[in-house]
Amino acid sequence: MRHLSKQYVRWDDLDAIGHVNNAKYLTYAQEARFAMLGIFNMVIGRAEVDFKAPINEGNSYVDIAIWVDSIGTSSFTLKYEISNDGKLLARVKTVQVTVTEDTLSSKPLTDSQRQILHTYLETE
């Protein structure tokens, strides 16, 4: 199952040449991830973005589909598709590592975290 989210494209997300700055795509992914998972104590270990088409308009929304690609001991991989009106704009992949609150060192996923992740697990 995929989690579906809409993210707002602000006018100030556009750069000097009139398209959304590349870093904003990761912000959209982050906001969609939070909508899907809420507060997981985690850090991002890796982030990749494949840009397919520019976003040239502010004051609009993009659609984000997000799902779990794999689950490890203390990490998991999410994939995202950012689109607008059915047109694919970007594919994003992030690896999250769950961490302790005090030292921010990695720790195994809890059973409840695994249960949430399995809800969205989609393997190819």
PDB file of N, CA and C in Angstrom:
ATOM      1  N   MET A   1       0.837  -1.177   0.000  1.00  0.00           N
ATOM      2  CA  MET A   1       0.000   0.000   0.000  1.00  0.00           C
ATOM      3  C   MET A   1       0.885   1.244   0.000  1.00  0.00           C
ATOM      4  N   ARG A   2       0.452   2.255  -0.724  1.00  0.00           N
ATOM      5  CA  ARG A   2       1.188   3.514  -0.765  1.00  0.00           C
ATOM      6  C   ARG A   2       0.451   4.580   0.042  1.00  0.00           C
ATOM      7  N   HIS A   3       1.234   5.374   0.726  1.00  0.00           N
ATOM      8  CA  HIS A   3       0.670   6.534   1.417  1.00  0.00           C
ATOM      9  C   HIS A   3       0.646   7.679   0.410  1.00  0.00           C
ATOM     10  N   LEU A   4      -0.477   8.362   0.312  1.00  0.00           N
ATOM     11  CA  LEU A   4      -0.616   9.468  -0.625  1.00  0.00           C
ATOM     12  C   LEU A   4      -0.674  10.783   0.145  1.00  0.00           C
ATOM     13  N   SER A   5       0.049  11.755  -0.362  1.00  0.00           N
ATOM     14  CA  SER A   5       0.162  13.046   0.299  1.00  0.00           C
ATOM     15  C   SER A   5       0.160  14.148  -0.751  1.00  0.00           C
ATOM     16  N   LYS A   6      -0.355  15.294  -0.388  1.00  0.00           N
ATOM     17  CA  LYS A   6      -0.256  16.485  -1.234  1.00  0.00           C
ATOM     18  C   LYS A   6       0.658  17.470  -0.516  1.00  0.00           C
ATOM     19  N   GLN A   7       1.589  18.022  -1.257  1.00  0.00           N
ATOM     20  CA  GLN A   7       2.496  19.008  -0.670  1.00  0.00           C
ATOM     21  C   GLN A   7       2.385  20.316  -1.432  1.00  0.00           C
ATOM     22  N   TYR A   8       2.346  21.393  -0.676  1.00  0.00           N
ATOM     23  CA  TYR A   8       2.160  22.721  -1.250  1.00  0.00           C
ATOM     24  C   TYR A   8       3.475  23.259  -1.807  1.00  0.00           C
ATOM     25  N   VAL A   9       3.433  23.747  -3.025  1.00  0.00           N
ATOM     26  CA  VAL A   9       4.587  24.390  -3.666  1.00  0.00           C
ATOM     27  C   VAL A   9       4.423  25.897  -3.460  1.00  0.00           C
ATOM     28  N   ARG A  10       5.318  26.457  -2.672  1.00  0.00           N
ATOM     29  CA  ARG A  10       5.247  27.881  -2.363  1.00  0.00           C
ATOM     30  C   ARG A  10       5.933  28.687  -3.459  1.00  0.00           C
ATOM     31  N   TRP A  11       5.490  29.932  -3.592  1.00  0.00           N
ATOM     32  CA  TRP A  11       6.127  30.794  -4.593  1.00  0.00           C
ATOM     33  C   TRP A  11       7.621  30.933  -4.315  1.00  0.00           C
ATOM     34  N   ASP A  12       8.005  30.979  -3.039  1.00  0.00           N
ATOM     35  CA  ASP A  12       9.434  31.152  -2.742  1.00  0.00           C
ATOM     36  C   ASP A  12      10.237  29.861  -2.885  1.00  0.00           C
ATOM     37  N   ASP A  13       9.576  28.742  -3.273  1.00  0.00           N
ATOM     38  CA  ASP A  13      10.315  27.522  -3.613  1.00  0.00           C
ATOM     39  C   ASP A  13      10.966  27.642  -4.988  1.00  0.00           C
ATOM     40  N   LEU A  14      10.476  28.591  -5.805  1.00  0.00           N
ATOM     41  CA  LEU A  14      11.016  28.782  -7.145  1.00  0.00           C
ATOM     42  C   LEU A  14      12.345  29.531  -7.064  1.00  0.00           C
ATOM     43  N   ASP A  15      13.279  29.143  -7.918  1.00  0.00           N
ATOM     44  CA  ASP A  15      14.577  29.815  -7.933  1.00  0.00           C
ATOM     45  C   ASP A  15      14.599  30.911  -8.991  1.00  0.00           C
ATOM     46  N   ALA A  16      15.770  31.480  -9.230  1.00  0.00           N
ATOM     47  CA  ALA A  16      15.908  32.628 -10.129  1.00  0.00           C
ATOM     48  C   ALA A  16      15.517  32.314 -11.569  1.00  0.00           C
ATOM     49  N   ILE A  17      15.578  31.055 -11.978  1.00  0.00           N
ATOM     50  CA  ILE A  17      15.213  30.740 -13.358  1.00  0.00           C
ATOM     51  C   ILE A  17      13.785  30.194 -13.472  1.00  0.00           C
ATOM     52  N   GLY A  18      13.027  30.262 -12.374  1.00  0.00           N
ATOM     53  CA  GLY A  18      11.605  29.980 -12.445  1.00  0.00           C
ATOM     54  C   GLY A  18      11.187  28.540 -12.267  1.00  0.00           C
ATOM     55  N   HIS A  19      12.045  27.711 -11.677  1.00  0.00           N
ATOM     56  CA  HIS A  19      11.604  26.350 -11.348  1.00  0.00           C
ATOM     57  C   HIS A  19      11.970  26.046  -9.901  1.00  0.00           C
ATOM     58  N   VAL A  20      11.327  25.019  -9.352  1.00  0.00           N
ATOM     59  CA  VAL A  20      11.552  24.674  -7.952  1.00  0.00           C
ATOM     60  C   VAL A  20      13.005  24.232  -7.761  1.00  0.00           C
ATOM     61  N   ASN A  21      13.638  24.813  -6.761  1.00  0.00           N
ATOM     62  CA  ASN A  21      15.016  24.485  -6.423  1.00  0.00           C
ATOM     63  C   ASN A  21      15.124  23.003  -6.061  1.00  0.00           C
ATOM     64  N   ASN A  22      16.206  22.365  -6.472  1.00  0.00           N
ATOM     65  CA  ASN A  22      16.381  20.919  -6.275  1.00  0.00           C
ATOM     66  C   ASN A  22      16.258  20.486  -4.820  1.00  0.00           C
ATOM     67  N   ALA A  23      16.719  21.278  -3.875  1.00  0.00           N
ATOM     68  CA  ALA A  23      16.665  20.901  -2.459  1.00  0.00           C
ATOM     69  C   ALA A  23      15.224  20.819  -1.943  1.00  0.00           C
ATOM     70  N   LYS A  24      14.325  21.549  -2.558  1.00  0.00           N
ATOM     71  CA  LYS A  24      12.925  21.553  -2.117  1.00  0.00           C
ATOM     72  C   LYS A  24      12.261  20.194  -2.329  1.00  0.00           C
ATOM     73  N   TYR A  25      12.718  19.420  -3.301  1.00  0.00           N
ATOM     74  CA  TYR A  25      12.152  18.095  -3.528  1.00  0.00           C
ATOM     75  C   TYR A  25      12.337  17.216  -2.288  1.00  0.00           C
ATOM     76  N   LEU A  26      13.484  17.351  -1.639  1.00  0.00           N
ATOM     77  CA  LEU A  26      13.714  16.595  -0.404  1.00  0.00           C
ATOM     78  C   LEU A  26      12.847  17.129   0.739  1.00  0.00           C
ATOM     79  N   THR A  27      12.543  18.423   0.723  1.00  0.00           N
ATOM     80  CA  THR A  27      11.617  18.973   1.715  1.00  0.00           C
ATOM     81  C   THR A  27      10.227  18.392   1.514  1.00  0.00           C
ATOM     82  N   TYR A  28       9.780  18.302   0.270  1.00  0.00           N
ATOM     83  CA  TYR A  28       8.469  17.704  -0.008  1.00  0.00           C
ATOM     84  C   TYR A  28       8.447  16.243   0.449  1.00  0.00           C
ATOM     85  N   ALA A  29       9.541  15.517   0.182  1.00  0.00           N
ATOM     86  CA  ALA A  29       9.633  14.117   0.616  1.00  0.00           C
ATOM     87  C   ALA A  29       9.595  14.033   2.146  1.00  0.00           C
ATOM     88  N   GLN A  30      10.302  14.924   2.815  1.00  0.00           N
ATOM     89  CA  GLN A  30      10.324  14.939   4.282  1.00  0.00           C
ATOM     90  C   GLN A  30       8.928  15.180   4.841  1.00  0.00           C
ATOM     91  N   GLU A  31       8.206  16.127   4.285  1.00  0.00           N
ATOM     92  CA  GLU A  31       6.866  16.428   4.774  1.00  0.00           C
ATOM     93  C   GLU A  31       5.915  15.251   4.540  1.00  0.00           C
ATOM     94  N   ALA A  32       6.054  14.578   3.403  1.00  0.00           N
ATOM     95  CA  ALA A  32       5.229  13.395   3.121  1.00  0.00           C
ATOM     96  C   ALA A  32       5.586  12.261   4.079  1.00  0.00           C
ATOM     97  N   ARG A  33       6.880  12.092   4.355  1.00  0.00           N
ATOM     98  CA  ARG A  33       7.344  11.045   5.281  1.00  0.00           C
ATOM     99  C   ARG A  33       6.776  11.286   6.677  1.00  0.00           C
ATOM    100  N   PHE A  34       6.786  12.534   7.120  1.00  0.00           N
ATOM    101  CA  PHE A  34       6.236  12.853   8.437  1.00  0.00           C
ATOM    102  C   PHE A  34       4.728  12.582   8.474  1.00  0.00           C
ATOM    103  N   ALA A  35       4.025  12.919   7.399  1.00  0.00           N
ATOM    104  CA  ALA A  35       2.583  12.650   7.338  1.00  0.00           C
ATOM    105  C   ALA A  35       2.307  11.149   7.409  1.00  0.00           C
ATOM    106  N   MET A  36       3.210  10.363   6.870  1.00  0.00           N
ATOM    107  CA  MET A  36       3.037   8.908   6.853  1.00  0.00           C
ATOM    108  C   MET A  36       3.424   8.262   8.176  1.00  0.00           C
ATOM    109  N   LEU A  37       4.557   8.651   8.742  1.00  0.00           N
ATOM    110  CA  LEU A  37       5.120   7.947   9.898  1.00  0.00           C
ATOM    111  C   LEU A  37       5.026   8.707  11.213  1.00  0.00           C
ATOM    112  N   GLY A  38       4.767   9.997  11.174  1.00  0.00           N
ATOM    113  CA  GLY A  38       4.781  10.774  12.403  1.00  0.00           C
ATOM    114  C   GLY A  38       6.187  10.828  12.976  1.00  0.00           C
ATOM    115  N   ILE A  39       6.278  10.790  14.275  1.00  0.00           N
ATOM    116  CA  ILE A  39       7.582  10.881  14.939  1.00  0.00           C
ATOM    117  C   ILE A  39       8.201   9.501  15.083  1.00  0.00           C
ATOM    118  N   PHE A  40       9.201   9.242  14.279  1.00  0.00           N
ATOM    119  CA  PHE A  40      10.089   8.088  14.450  1.00  0.00           C
ATOM    120  C   PHE A  40      11.422   8.734  14.802  1.00  0.00           C
ATOM    121  N   ASN A  41      12.119   8.278  15.832  1.00  0.00           N
ATOM    122  CA  ASN A  41      13.456   8.817  16.092  1.00  0.00           C
ATOM    123  C   ASN A  41      14.387   8.241  15.041  1.00  0.00           C
ATOM    124  N   MET A  42      14.690   9.065  14.047  1.00  0.00           N
ATOM    125  CA  MET A  42      15.503   8.573  12.932  1.00  0.00           C
ATOM    126  C   MET A  42      16.301   9.719  12.325  1.00  0.00           C
ATOM    127  N   VAL A  43      17.328   9.319  11.615  1.00  0.00           N
ATOM    128  CA  VAL A  43      18.111  10.249  10.810  1.00  0.00           C
ATOM    129  C   VAL A  43      18.151   9.699   9.387  1.00  0.00           C
ATOM    130  N   ILE A  44      18.412  10.578   8.445  1.00  0.00           N
ATOM    131  CA  ILE A  44      18.529  10.151   7.058  1.00  0.00           C
ATOM    132  C   ILE A  44      19.976   9.753   6.800  1.00  0.00           C
ATOM    133  N   GLY A  45      20.168   8.521   6.364  1.00  0.00           N
ATOM    134  CA  GLY A  45      21.500   8.030   6.053  1.00  0.00           C
ATOM    135  C   GLY A  45      21.870   8.225   4.586  1.00  0.00           C
ATOM    136  N   ARG A  46      20.847   8.335   3.737  1.00  0.00           N
ATOM    137  CA  ARG A  46      21.093   8.502   2.304  1.00  0.00           C
ATOM    138  C   ARG A  46      19.841   9.093   1.672  1.00  0.00           C
ATOM    139  N   ALA A  47      20.034   9.950   0.678  1.00  0.00           N
ATOM    140  CA  ALA A  47      18.917  10.509  -0.078  1.00  0.00           C
ATOM    141  C   ALA A  47      19.329  10.633  -1.539  1.00  0.00           C
ATOM    142  N   GLU A  48      18.437  10.182  -2.416  1.00  0.00           N
ATOM    143  CA  GLU A  48      18.677  10.264  -3.860  1.00  0.00           C
ATOM    144  C   GLU A  48      17.445  10.864  -4.517  1.00  0.00           C
ATOM    145  N   VAL A  49      17.667  11.714  -5.509  1.00  0.00           N
ATOM    146  CA  VAL A  49      16.556  12.279  -6.272  1.00  0.00           C
ATOM    147  C   VAL A  49      16.867  12.124  -7.752  1.00  0.00           C
ATOM    148  N   ASP A  50      15.923  11.546  -8.494  1.00  0.00           N
ATOM    149  CA  ASP A  50      15.998  11.491  -9.954  1.00  0.00           C
ATOM    150  C   ASP A  50      14.949  12.475 -10.463  1.00  0.00           C
ATOM    151  N   PHE A  51      15.416  13.573 -11.050  1.00  0.00           N
ATOM    152  CA  PHE A  51      14.523  14.613 -11.550  1.00  0.00           C
ATOM    153  C   PHE A  51      14.045  14.219 -12.944  1.00  0.00           C
ATOM    154  N   LYS A  52      12.732  14.203 -13.131  1.00  0.00           N
ATOM    155  CA  LYS A  52      12.149  13.802 -14.417  1.00  0.00           C
ATOM    156  C   LYS A  52      11.600  14.985 -15.195  1.00  0.00           C
ATOM    157  N   ALA A  53      11.009  15.943 -14.508  1.00  0.00           N
ATOM    158  CA  ALA A  53      10.453  17.144 -15.142  1.00  0.00           C
ATOM    159  C   ALA A  53      10.436  18.259 -14.101  1.00  0.00           C
ATOM    160  N   PRO A  54      10.625  19.501 -14.529  1.00  0.00           N
ATOM    161  CA  PRO A  54      10.654  20.601 -13.564  1.00  0.00           C
ATOM    162  C   PRO A  54       9.257  20.949 -13.041  1.00  0.00           C
ATOM    163  N   ILE A  55       9.243  21.513 -11.854  1.00  0.00           N
ATOM    164  CA  ILE A  55       8.034  22.117 -11.307  1.00  0.00           C
ATOM    165  C   ILE A  55       8.210  23.615 -11.538  1.00  0.00           C
ATOM    166  N   ASN A  56       7.350  24.180 -12.352  1.00  0.00           N
ATOM    167  CA  ASN A  56       7.512  25.576 -12.752  1.00  0.00           C
ATOM    168  C   ASN A  56       6.466  26.518 -12.181  1.00  0.00           C
ATOM    169  N   GLU A  57       5.662  26.040 -11.253  1.00  0.00           N
ATOM    170  CA  GLU A  57       4.579  26.871 -10.773  1.00  0.00           C
ATOM    171  C   GLU A  57       4.466  26.799  -9.259  1.00  0.00           C
ATOM    172  N   GLY A  58       4.432  27.955  -8.630  1.00  0.00           N
ATOM    173  CA  GLY A  58       4.181  28.024  -7.207  1.00  0.00           C
ATOM    174  C   GLY A  58       2.689  28.134  -6.956  1.00  0.00           C
ATOM    175  N   ASN A  59       2.320  28.232  -5.688  1.00  0.00           N
ATOM    176  CA  ASN A  59       0.918  28.333  -5.297  1.00  0.00           C
ATOM    177  C   ASN A  59       0.097  27.178  -5.880  1.00  0.00           C
ATOM    178  N   SER A  60       0.678  25.986  -5.804  1.00  0.00           N
ATOM    179  CA  SER A  60       0.023  24.786  -6.329  1.00  0.00           C
ATOM    180  C   SER A  60       0.414  23.608  -5.447  1.00  0.00           C
ATOM    181  N   TYR A  61      -0.100  22.456  -5.772  1.00  0.00           N
ATOM    182  CA  TYR A  61       0.204  21.242  -5.006  1.00  0.00           C
ATOM    183  C   TYR A  61       0.825  20.189  -5.912  1.00  0.00           C
ATOM    184  N   VAL A  62       1.701  19.369  -5.327  1.00  0.00           N
ATOM    185  CA  VAL A  62       2.191  18.172  -5.998  1.00  0.00           C
ATOM    186  C   VAL A  62       1.703  16.970  -5.198  1.00  0.00           C
ATOM    187  N   ASP A  63       1.520  15.877  -5.892  1.00  0.00           N
ATOM    188  CA  ASP A  63       1.107  14.625  -5.268  1.00  0.00           C
ATOM    189  C   ASP A  63       2.340  13.789  -4.977  1.00  0.00           C
ATOM    190  N   ILE A  64       2.379  13.181  -3.804  1.00  0.00           N
ATOM    191  CA  ILE A  64       3.500  12.320  -3.450  1.00  0.00           C
ATOM    192  C   ILE A  64       2.958  10.969  -3.005  1.00  0.00           C
ATOM    193  N   ALA A  65       3.401   9.928  -3.703  1.00  0.00           N
ATOM    194  CA  ALA A  65       3.126   8.549  -3.291  1.00  0.00           C
ATOM    195  C   ALA A  65       4.390   8.056  -2.604  1.00  0.00           C
ATOM    196  N   ILE A  66       4.244   7.452  -1.452  1.00  0.00           N
ATOM    197  CA  ILE A  66       5.401   6.999  -0.678  1.00  0.00           C
ATOM    198  C   ILE A  66       5.128   5.588  -0.171  1.00  0.00           C
ATOM    199  N   TRP A  67       6.167   4.741  -0.228  1.00  0.00           N
ATOM    200  CA  TRP A  67       6.027   3.366   0.241  1.00  0.00           C
ATOM    201  C   TRP A  67       7.367   2.855   0.769  1.00  0.00           C
ATOM    202  N   VAL A  68       7.307   1.759   1.493  1.00  0.00           N
ATOM    203  CA  VAL A  68       8.499   1.131   2.060  1.00  0.00           C
ATOM    204  C   VAL A  68       9.036   0.128   1.045  1.00  0.00           C
ATOM    205  N   ASP A  69      10.313   0.239   0.738  1.00  0.00           N
ATOM    206  CA  ASP A  69      10.960  -0.665  -0.208  1.00  0.00           C
ATOM    207  C   ASP A  69      11.644  -1.827   0.507  1.00  0.00           C
ATOM    208  N   SER A  70      12.242  -1.554   1.667  1.00  0.00           N
ATOM    209  CA  SER A  70      12.909  -2.621   2.424  1.00  0.00           C
ATOM    210  C   SER A  70      13.008  -2.230   3.893  1.00  0.00           C
ATOM    211  N   ILE A  71      13.108  -3.258   4.728  1.00  0.00           N
ATOM    212  CA  ILE A  71      13.211  -3.062   6.175  1.00  0.00           C
ATOM    213  C   ILE A  71      14.397  -3.877   6.678  1.00  0.00           C
ATOM    214  N   GLY A  72      15.314  -3.204   7.367  1.00  0.00           N
ATOM    215  CA  GLY A  72      16.474  -3.888   7.943  1.00  0.00           C
ATOM    216  C   GLY A  72      16.342  -3.972   9.458  1.00  0.00           C
ATOM    217  N   THR A  73      17.474  -4.153  10.120  1.00  0.00           N
ATOM    218  CA  THR A  73      17.481  -4.249  11.579  1.00  0.00           C
ATOM    219  C   THR A  73      17.221  -2.896  12.227  1.00  0.00           C
ATOM    220  N   SER A  74      17.956  -1.879  11.796  1.00  0.00           N
ATOM    221  CA  SER A  74      17.793  -0.539  12.372  1.00  0.00           C
ATOM    222  C   SER A  74      17.556   0.517  11.297  1.00  0.00           C
ATOM    223  N   SER A  75      17.325   0.086  10.072  1.00  0.00           N
ATOM    224  CA  SER A  75      17.102   1.036   8.984  1.00  0.00           C
ATOM    225  C   SER A  75      15.984   0.541   8.071  1.00  0.00           C
ATOM    226  N   PHE A  76      15.482   1.444   7.274  1.00  0.00           N
ATOM    227  CA  PHE A  76      14.479   1.094   6.277  1.00  0.00           C
ATOM    228  C   PHE A  76      14.593   2.065   5.112  1.00  0.00           C
ATOM    229  N   THR A  77      14.175   1.601   3.945  1.00  0.00           N
ATOM    230  CA  THR A  77      14.258   2.392   2.725  1.00  0.00           C
ATOM    231  C   THR A  77      12.858   2.760   2.256  1.00  0.00           C
ATOM    232  N   LEU A  78      12.696   4.034   1.947  1.00  0.00           N
ATOM    233  CA  LEU A  78      11.438   4.532   1.408  1.00  0.00           C
ATOM    234  C   LEU A  78      11.653   4.989  -0.029  1.00  0.00           C
ATOM    235  N   LYS A  79      10.620   4.815  -0.835  1.00  0.00           N
ATOM    236  CA  LYS A  79      10.622   5.342  -2.202  1.00  0.00           C
ATOM    237  C   LYS A  79       9.421   6.263  -2.349  1.00  0.00           C
ATOM    238  N   TYR A  80       9.595   7.254  -3.212  1.00  0.00           N
ATOM    239  CA  TYR A  80       8.583   8.272  -3.408  1.00  0.00           C
ATOM    240  C   TYR A  80       8.457   8.560  -4.905  1.00  0.00           C
ATOM    241  N   GLU A  81       7.263   8.909  -5.324  1.00  0.00           N
ATOM    242  CA  GLU A  81       7.048   9.462  -6.655  1.00  0.00           C
ATOM    243  C   GLU A  81       6.327  10.783  -6.477  1.00  0.00           C
ATOM    244  N   ILE A  82       6.933  11.826  -7.013  1.00  0.00           N
ATOM    245  CA  ILE A  82       6.335  13.157  -6.977  1.00  0.00           C
ATOM    246  C   ILE A  82       5.747  13.418  -8.354  1.00  0.00           C
ATOM    247  N   SER A  83       4.460  13.779  -8.387  1.00  0.00           N
ATOM    248  CA  SER A  83       3.789  13.982  -9.668  1.00  0.00           C
ATOM    249  C   SER A  83       2.800  15.135  -9.573  1.00  0.00           C
ATOM    250  N   ASN A  84       2.316  15.537 -10.743  1.00  0.00           N
ATOM    251  CA  ASN A  84       1.285  16.557 -10.830  1.00  0.00           C
ATOM    252  C   ASN A  84       0.414  16.231 -12.025  1.00  0.00           C
ATOM    253  N   ASP A  85      -0.890  16.083 -11.793  1.00  0.00           N
ATOM    254  CA  ASP A  85      -1.844  15.722 -12.849  1.00  0.00           C
ATOM    255  C   ASP A  85      -1.392  14.478 -13.618  1.00  0.00           C
ATOM    256  N   GLY A  86      -0.849  13.500 -12.882  1.00  0.00           N
ATOM    257  CA  GLY A  86      -0.425  12.254 -13.497  1.00  0.00           C
ATOM    258  C   GLY A  86       0.942  12.293 -14.168  1.00  0.00           C
ATOM    259  N   LYS A  87       1.588  13.454 -14.216  1.00  0.00           N
ATOM    260  CA  LYS A  87       2.911  13.578 -14.833  1.00  0.00           C
ATOM    261  C   LYS A  87       3.981  13.377 -13.766  1.00  0.00           C
ATOM    262  N   LEU A  88       4.867  12.404 -13.978  1.00  0.00           N
ATOM    263  CA  LEU A  88       5.947  12.133 -13.029  1.00  0.00           C
ATOM    264  C   LEU A  88       6.971  13.263 -13.069  1.00  0.00           C
ATOM    265  N   LEU A  89       7.244  13.845 -11.896  1.00  0.00           N
ATOM    266  CA  LEU A  89       8.192  14.951 -11.781  1.00  0.00           C
ATOM    267  C   LEU A  89       9.522  14.502 -11.199  1.00  0.00           C
ATOM    268  N   ALA A  90       9.484  13.561 -10.259  1.00  0.00           N
ATOM    269  CA  ALA A  90      10.722  13.089  -9.628  1.00  0.00           C
ATOM    270  C   ALA A  90      10.471  11.764  -8.922  1.00  0.00           C
ATOM    271  N   ARG A  91      11.531  10.986  -8.813  1.00  0.00           N
ATOM    272  CA  ARG A  91      11.557   9.804  -7.958  1.00  0.00           C
ATOM    273  C   ARG A  91      12.595  10.066  -6.874  1.00  0.00           C
ATOM    274  N   VAL A  92      12.234   9.735  -5.648  1.00  0.00           N
ATOM    275  CA  VAL A  92      13.118   9.967  -4.503  1.00  0.00           C
ATOM    276  C   VAL A  92      13.279   8.652  -3.765  1.00  0.00           C
ATOM    277  N   LYS A  93      14.456   8.449  -3.206  1.00  0.00           N
ATOM    278  CA  LYS A  93      14.728   7.274  -2.379  1.00  0.00           C
ATOM    279  C   LYS A  93      15.501   7.760  -1.165  1.00  0.00           C
ATOM    280  N   THR A  94      15.046   7.361   0.033  1.00  0.00           N
ATOM    281  CA  THR A  94      15.766   7.717   1.251  1.00  0.00           C
ATOM    282  C   THR A  94      15.961   6.479   2.113  1.00  0.00           C
ATOM    283  N   VAL A  95      17.068   6.465   2.831  1.00  0.00           N
ATOM    284  CA  VAL A  95      17.330   5.426   3.821  1.00  0.00           C
ATOM    285  C   VAL A  95      17.336   6.105   5.184  1.00  0.00           C
ATOM    286  N   GLN A  96      16.459   5.625   6.061  1.00  0.00           N
ATOM    287  CA  GLN A  96      16.334   6.147   7.411  1.00  0.00           C
ATOM    288  C   GLN A  96      16.974   5.163   8.373  1.00  0.00           C
ATOM    289  N   VAL A  97      17.634   5.697   9.391  1.00  0.00           N
ATOM    290  CA  VAL A  97      18.231   4.874  10.441  1.00  0.00           C
ATOM    291  C   VAL A  97      17.588   5.292  11.754  1.00  0.00           C
ATOM    292  N   THR A  98      16.997   4.336  12.467  1.00  0.00           N
ATOM    293  CA  THR A  98      16.412   4.660  13.772  1.00  0.00           C
ATOM    294  C   THR A  98      17.543   4.832  14.781  1.00  0.00           C
ATOM    295  N   VAL A  99      17.363   5.817  15.659  1.00  0.00           N
ATOM    296  CA  VAL A  99      18.424   6.179  16.600  1.00  0.00           C
ATOM    297  C   VAL A  99      17.854   6.355  18.004  1.00  0.00           C
ATOM    298  N   THR A 100      18.744   6.292  18.991  1.00  0.00           N
ATOM    299  CA  THR A 100      18.372   6.568  20.379  1.00  0.00           C
ATOM    300  C   THR A 100      18.198   8.078  20.539  1.00  0.00           C
ATOM    301  N   GLU A 101      17.398   8.474  21.502  1.00  0.00           N
ATOM    302  CA  GLU A 101      17.170   9.900  21.727  1.00  0.00           C
ATOM    303  C   GLU A 101      18.387  10.589  22.332  1.00  0.00           C
ATOM    304  N   ASP A 102      19.096   9.889  23.213  1.00  0.00           N
ATOM    305  CA  ASP A 102      20.178  10.547  23.941  1.00  0.00           C
ATOM    306  C   ASP A 102      21.480  10.633  23.158  1.00  0.00           C
ATOM    307  N   THR A 103      21.928   9.544  22.549  1.00  0.00           N
ATOM    308  CA  THR A 103      23.232   9.565  21.870  1.00  0.00           C
ATOM    309  C   THR A 103      23.128   9.619  20.354  1.00  0.00           C
ATOM    310  N   LEU A 104      21.913   9.467  19.832  1.00  0.00           N
ATOM    311  CA  LEU A 104      21.682   9.428  18.385  1.00  0.00           C
ATOM    312  C   LEU A 104      22.460   8.311  17.691  1.00  0.00           C
ATOM    313  N   SER A 105      22.765   7.252  18.441  1.00  0.00           N
ATOM    314  CA  SER A 105      23.390   6.081  17.822  1.00  0.00           C
ATOM    315  C   SER A 105      22.278   5.154  17.333  1.00  0.00           C
ATOM    316  N   SER A 106      22.583   4.336  16.337  1.00  0.00           N
ATOM    317  CA  SER A 106      21.545   3.486  15.750  1.00  0.00           C
ATOM    318  C   SER A 106      21.025   2.481  16.771  1.00  0.00           C
ATOM    319  N   LYS A 107      19.758   2.141  16.609  1.00  0.00           N
ATOM    320  CA  LYS A 107      19.140   1.142  17.473  1.00  0.00           C
ATOM    321  C   LYS A 107      18.153   0.349  16.633  1.00  0.00           C
ATOM    322  N   PRO A 108      17.875  -0.886  16.995  1.00  0.00           N
ATOM    323  CA  PRO A 108      16.946  -1.707  16.215  1.00  0.00           C
ATOM    324  C   PRO A 108      15.533  -1.111  16.190  1.00  0.00           C
ATOM    325  N   LEU A 109      14.854  -1.340  15.091  1.00  0.00           N
ATOM    326  CA  LEU A 109      13.446  -0.960  14.989  1.00  0.00           C
ATOM    327  C   LEU A 109      12.640  -1.706  16.040  1.00  0.00           C
ATOM    328  N   THR A 110      11.642  -1.052  16.604  1.00  0.00           N
ATOM    329  CA  THR A 110      10.766  -1.716  17.562  1.00  0.00           C
ATOM    330  C   THR A 110       9.727  -2.545  16.798  1.00  0.00           C
ATOM    331  N   ASP A 111       9.057  -3.434  17.508  1.00  0.00           N
ATOM    332  CA  ASP A 111       8.004  -4.238  16.878  1.00  0.00           C
ATOM    333  C   ASP A 111       6.890  -3.351  16.335  1.00  0.00           C
ATOM    334  N   SER A 112       6.518  -2.301  17.063  1.00  0.00           N
ATOM    335  CA  SER A 112       5.448  -1.419  16.587  1.00  0.00           C
ATOM    336  C   SER A 112       5.889  -0.627  15.349  1.00  0.00           C
ATOM    337  N   GLN A 113       7.148  -0.216  15.295  1.00  0.00           N
ATOM    338  CA  GLN A 113       7.655   0.457  14.099  1.00  0.00           C
ATOM    339  C   GLN A 113       7.630  -0.486  12.898  1.00  0.00           C
ATOM    340  N   ARG A 114       8.068  -1.725  13.116  1.00  0.00           N
ATOM    341  CA  ARG A 114       8.039  -2.720  12.035  1.00  0.00           C
ATOM    342  C   ARG A 114       6.610  -2.948  11.527  1.00  0.00           C
ATOM    343  N   GLN A 115       5.661  -2.987  12.452  1.00  0.00           N
ATOM    344  CA  GLN A 115       4.273  -3.203  12.069  1.00  0.00           C
ATOM    345  C   GLN A 115       3.782  -2.060  11.164  1.00  0.00           C
ATOM    346  N   ILE A 116       4.088  -0.832  11.534  1.00  0.00           N
ATOM    347  CA  ILE A 116       3.713   0.326  10.716  1.00  0.00           C
ATOM    348  C   ILE A 116       4.373   0.235   9.346  1.00  0.00           C
ATOM    349  N   LEU A 117       5.663  -0.063   9.322  1.00  0.00           N
ATOM    350  CA  LEU A 117       6.388  -0.145   8.057  1.00  0.00           C
ATOM    351  C   LEU A 117       5.838  -1.248   7.159  1.00  0.00           C
ATOM    352  N   HIS A 118       5.504  -2.379   7.733  1.00  0.00           N
ATOM    353  CA  HIS A 118       4.968  -3.495   6.928  1.00  0.00           C
ATOM    354  C   HIS A 118       3.650  -3.135   6.249  1.00  0.00           C
ATOM    355  N   THR A 119       2.902  -2.214   6.839  1.00  0.00           N
ATOM    356  CA  THR A 119       1.657  -1.739   6.216  1.00  0.00           C
ATOM    357  C   THR A 119       1.925  -1.170   4.831  1.00  0.00           C
ATOM    358  N   TYR A 120       3.071  -0.525   4.658  1.00  0.00           N
ATOM    359  CA  TYR A 120       3.411   0.166   3.412  1.00  0.00           C
ATOM    360  C   TYR A 120       4.482  -0.561   2.593  1.00  0.00           C
ATOM    361  N   LEU A 121       4.824  -1.778   2.986  1.00  0.00           N
ATOM    362  CA  LEU A 121       5.879  -2.517   2.290  1.00  0.00           C
ATOM    363  C   LEU A 121       5.395  -2.940   0.911  1.00  0.00           C
ATOM    364  N   GLU A 122       6.201  -2.607  -0.071  1.00  0.00           N
ATOM    365  CA  GLU A 122       5.889  -2.921  -1.465  1.00  0.00           C
ATOM    366  C   GLU A 122       7.192  -3.336  -2.126  1.00  0.00           C
ATOM    367  N   THR A 123       7.372  -4.607  -2.397  1.00  0.00           N
ATOM    368  CA  THR A 123       8.605  -5.053  -3.019  1.00  0.00           C
ATOM    369  C   THR A 123       8.370  -5.295  -4.507  1.00  0.00           C
ATOM    370  N   GLU A 124       9.420  -5.122  -5.262  1.00  0.00           N
ATOM    371  CA  GLU A 124       9.312  -5.281  -6.720  1.00  0.00           C
ATOM    372  C   GLU A 124       9.462  -6.718  -7.131  1.00  0.00           C
TER     373      GLU A 124
END
